[in-house]
Amino acid sequence: MKTDRLEEFVRSNKDSFDSFEPDPAIWQKVERRKGRVIQLNWKQVAWRAAAVAIIFAASWFINDLTDKQRQPQMAEENQASPEGQPQIVRDLMEAEVYYTSQINMKRDELFTLAGNQPGVMEDVDSELIDLDNVYKELKEDLNDNAANEEILEAMIQNYRLKLQILEDMLYIIRQNDADVNSKSDENVHTAL
């Protein structure tokens, strides 16, 4: 391994570097500084902490008071006509009407096609009940979180999921009916 010339010089002249000692007066100054301790005025600290606590409590009280004053206004806004509601809430109402009608129509169609298969309807109803429970939780979150777009999107997605389940089940039943009909047609043709 190649040594550096500076390192080699320091090693060879180490004793000459250690020959100088600092002035004893310097060590005395260092000792005096080291011994100094910062004194805290606990009364002053306590007063400052109390002031912070009072400011925090006053802010909390004022915030609470303004929230209580806003609640009746928000309740009036929520009970206003559809024109007075925010656009996002109107969109949700329109989506509820649309998806509810689509879901009811698909459910009735599924009930008609799966009339001889009660297990299918029980499974679908079970899935829809689970999704209804999720929707109720989302609605409670919406009441707590006043028109949060993510919650509204999740509610609409819930409706889409219900509709998708019904459409998938209708597709499966139609496929099964088509398979049964094609097999019966094959049996008729082979019998002739």
Protein backbone atom coordinates (compact mmCIF):
# COMPACT_ATOMS: atom_id res chain seq x y z
CA MET A 1 0.00 0.00 0.00
CA LYS A 2 1.36 3.38 -0.98
CA THR A 3 1.64 5.93 1.85
CA ASP A 4 0.90 9.55 1.40
CA ARG A 5 3.83 11.98 1.70
CA LEU A 6 1.93 14.17 4.18
CA GLU A 7 1.13 11.20 6.39
CA GLU A 8 4.76 10.11 6.28
CA PHE A 9 5.93 13.62 7.25
CA VAL A 10 3.48 13.77 10.19
CA ARG A 11 4.61 10.39 11.48
CA SER A 12 8.28 11.23 11.27
CA ASN A 13 7.86 14.64 13.00
CA LYS A 14 5.26 13.68 15.60
CA ASP A 15 7.48 14.55 18.54
CA SER A 16 8.10 18.07 17.28
CA PHE A 17 4.35 18.69 17.01
CA ASP A 18 3.78 17.66 20.63
CA SER A 19 6.45 19.99 22.00
CA PHE A 20 4.24 23.08 22.22
CA GLU A 21 1.93 23.47 25.19
CA PRO A 22 -0.82 26.07 25.41
CA ASP A 23 -0.53 28.93 27.87
CA PRO A 24 -1.99 28.02 31.32
CA ALA A 25 -4.13 31.19 31.21
CA ILE A 26 -6.04 29.69 28.31
CA TRP A 27 -6.86 26.59 30.36
CA GLN A 28 -8.13 28.80 33.19
CA LYS A 29 -10.51 30.60 30.82
CA VAL A 30 -11.81 27.28 29.53
CA GLU A 31 -12.37 26.07 33.09
CA ARG A 32 -14.34 29.22 33.98
CA ARG A 33 -16.61 28.85 30.94
CA LYS A 34 -17.17 25.20 31.62
CA GLY A 35 -18.29 25.91 35.15
CA ARG A 36 -20.95 28.43 34.12
CA VAL A 37 -24.49 27.02 34.45
CA ILE A 38 -27.49 28.70 32.94
CA GLN A 39 -30.03 29.48 35.60
CA LEU A 40 -33.68 29.18 34.68
CA ASN A 41 -36.19 31.46 36.24
CA TRP A 42 -38.93 28.97 36.97
CA LYS A 43 -41.47 31.69 37.71
CA GLN A 44 -40.93 33.16 34.28
CA VAL A 45 -41.19 29.74 32.64
CA ALA A 46 -44.41 29.01 34.56
CA TRP A 47 -45.94 32.34 33.52
CA ARG A 48 -45.10 31.67 29.87
CA ALA A 49 -46.57 28.17 30.04
CA ALA A 50 -49.74 29.55 31.65
CA ALA A 51 -50.02 32.18 28.92
CA VAL A 52 -49.72 29.51 26.23
CA ALA A 53 -52.39 27.40 27.96
CA ILE A 54 -54.75 30.40 28.20
CA ILE A 55 -54.25 31.26 24.53
CA PHE A 56 -54.90 27.64 23.55
CA ALA A 57 -58.05 27.44 25.68
CA ALA A 58 -59.35 30.76 24.31
CA SER A 59 -58.74 29.60 20.74
CA TRP A 60 -60.54 26.34 21.42
CA PHE A 61 -63.49 28.18 22.97
CA ILE A 62 -63.76 30.65 20.07
CA ASN A 63 -63.55 27.83 17.52
CA ASP A 64 -66.25 25.88 19.36
CA LEU A 65 -68.46 28.96 19.57
CA THR A 66 -68.16 29.71 15.84
CA ASP A 67 -68.87 26.06 14.98
CA LYS A 68 -72.07 26.17 17.04
CA GLN A 69 -73.12 29.32 15.23
CA ARG A 70 -72.43 27.71 11.84
CA GLN A 71 -74.38 24.51 12.56
CA PRO A 72 -77.87 26.07 12.21
CA GLN A 73 -76.78 27.76 8.98
CA MET A 74 -75.47 24.46 7.62
CA ALA A 75 -78.69 22.70 8.64
CA GLU A 76 -80.72 25.31 6.75
CA GLU A 77 -78.49 24.91 3.71
CA ASN A 78 -78.92 21.13 3.80
CA GLN A 79 -82.71 21.48 3.96
CA ALA A 80 -82.79 24.00 1.13
CA SER A 81 -84.15 23.20 -2.29
CA PRO A 82 -81.98 21.20 -4.70
CA GLU A 83 -80.98 24.44 -6.42
CA GLY A 84 -79.49 25.73 -3.14
CA GLN A 85 -77.33 22.65 -2.59
CA PRO A 86 -73.76 22.32 -3.74
CA GLN A 87 -73.24 20.78 -7.18
CA ILE A 88 -71.58 17.69 -5.79
CA VAL A 89 -74.60 16.87 -3.59
CA ARG A 90 -76.95 17.36 -6.55
CA ASP A 91 -74.78 15.01 -8.59
CA LEU A 92 -75.02 12.41 -5.83
CA MET A 93 -78.81 12.74 -5.74
CA GLU A 94 -79.00 12.28 -9.51
CA ALA A 95 -76.67 9.28 -9.33
CA GLU A 96 -78.77 7.73 -6.54
CA VAL A 97 -81.94 8.05 -8.62
CA TYR A 98 -80.29 6.65 -11.75
CA TYR A 99 -78.49 3.74 -10.12
CA THR A 100 -81.43 2.82 -7.89
CA SER A 101 -83.71 2.55 -10.91
CA GLN A 102 -81.10 0.54 -12.85
CA ILE A 103 -80.47 -1.78 -9.88
CA ASN A 104 -84.20 -2.37 -9.34
CA MET A 105 -84.71 -3.08 -13.03
CA LYS A 106 -81.78 -5.55 -13.18
CA ARG A 107 -82.85 -7.19 -9.91
CA ASP A 108 -86.38 -7.73 -11.24
CA GLU A 109 -84.96 -9.18 -14.46
CA LEU A 110 -82.66 -11.46 -12.48
CA PHE A 111 -85.57 -12.57 -10.30
CA THR A 112 -87.55 -13.44 -13.40
CA LEU A 113 -84.71 -15.41 -15.01
CA ALA A 114 -83.56 -17.13 -11.82
CA GLY A 115 -87.02 -17.95 -10.50
CA ASN A 116 -86.22 -21.68 -10.48
CA GLN A 117 -82.81 -21.10 -8.82
CA PRO A 118 -83.48 -19.69 -5.31
CA GLY A 119 -79.82 -20.08 -4.27
CA VAL A 120 -78.75 -17.53 -6.85
CA MET A 121 -81.19 -14.93 -5.55
CA GLU A 122 -80.10 -15.59 -1.95
CA ASP A 123 -76.44 -15.09 -2.91
CA VAL A 124 -77.19 -11.89 -4.82
CA ASP A 125 -79.36 -10.54 -2.00
CA SER A 126 -76.59 -11.31 0.49
CA GLU A 127 -74.05 -9.38 -1.60
CA LEU A 128 -76.44 -6.47 -2.02
CA ILE A 129 -77.14 -6.35 1.72
CA ASP A 130 -73.40 -6.21 2.41
CA LEU A 131 -73.04 -3.35 -0.06
CA ASP A 132 -76.04 -1.59 1.51
CA ASN A 133 -74.32 -1.77 4.89
CA VAL A 134 -71.17 -0.26 3.41
CA TYR A 135 -73.31 2.46 1.81
CA LYS A 136 -74.90 3.28 5.18
CA GLU A 137 -71.44 3.67 6.72
CA LEU A 138 -70.41 5.95 3.86
CA LYS A 139 -73.54 8.03 4.38
CA GLU A 140 -72.70 8.41 8.08
CA ASP A 141 -69.17 9.46 7.10
CA LEU A 142 -70.66 11.95 4.67
CA ASN A 143 -72.76 13.49 7.46
CA ASP A 144 -69.66 13.78 9.62
CA ASN A 145 -67.46 15.10 6.82
CA ALA A 146 -69.80 17.46 4.90
CA ALA A 147 -69.67 16.71 1.18
CA ASN A 148 -66.23 15.16 0.96
CA GLU A 149 -65.64 14.25 -2.69
CA GLU A 150 -63.87 10.98 -1.87
CA ILE A 151 -66.85 9.77 0.15
CA LEU A 152 -69.28 10.77 -2.59
CA GLU A 153 -67.17 8.95 -5.16
CA ALA A 154 -67.11 5.86 -2.92
CA MET A 155 -70.92 6.01 -2.63
CA ILE A 156 -71.32 6.17 -6.40
CA GLN A 157 -68.78 3.36 -6.77
CA ASN A 158 -70.92 1.31 -4.37
CA TYR A 159 -73.90 1.72 -6.70
CA ARG A 160 -71.77 0.78 -9.70
CA LEU A 161 -70.60 -2.34 -7.91
CA LYS A 162 -74.19 -3.39 -7.14
CA LEU A 163 -75.16 -2.87 -10.75
CA GLN A 164 -72.08 -4.78 -11.95
CA ILE A 165 -72.92 -7.76 -9.70
CA LEU A 166 -76.45 -7.90 -11.07
CA GLU A 167 -75.26 -7.60 -14.68
CA ASP A 168 -72.68 -10.34 -14.15
CA MET A 169 -75.28 -12.66 -12.64
CA LEU A 170 -77.68 -11.94 -15.52
CA TYR A 171 -74.91 -12.73 -18.00
CA ILE A 172 -74.12 -16.02 -16.26
CA ILE A 173 -77.78 -17.07 -16.13
CA ARG A 174 -78.28 -16.15 -19.78
CA GLN A 175 -75.18 -18.15 -20.71
CA ASN A 176 -76.46 -21.15 -18.75
CA ASP A 177 -79.87 -20.84 -20.40
CA ALA A 178 -78.24 -20.60 -23.83
CA ASP A 179 -76.13 -23.70 -23.11
CA VAL A 180 -79.20 -25.63 -21.95
CA ASN A 181 -81.17 -24.52 -25.02
CA SER A 182 -78.36 -25.47 -27.41
CA LYS A 183 -78.05 -28.90 -25.78
CA SER A 184 -81.79 -29.47 -26.05
CA ASP A 185 -81.65 -28.38 -29.72
CA GLU A 186 -78.80 -30.86 -30.30
CA ASN A 187 -80.86 -33.59 -28.66
CA VAL A 188 -83.82 -32.78 -30.92
CA HIS A 189 -81.64 -32.89 -34.05
CA THR A 190 -80.03 -36.20 -33.05
CA ALA A 191 -83.43 -37.69 -32.32
CA LEU A 192 -84.70 -36.83 -35.84
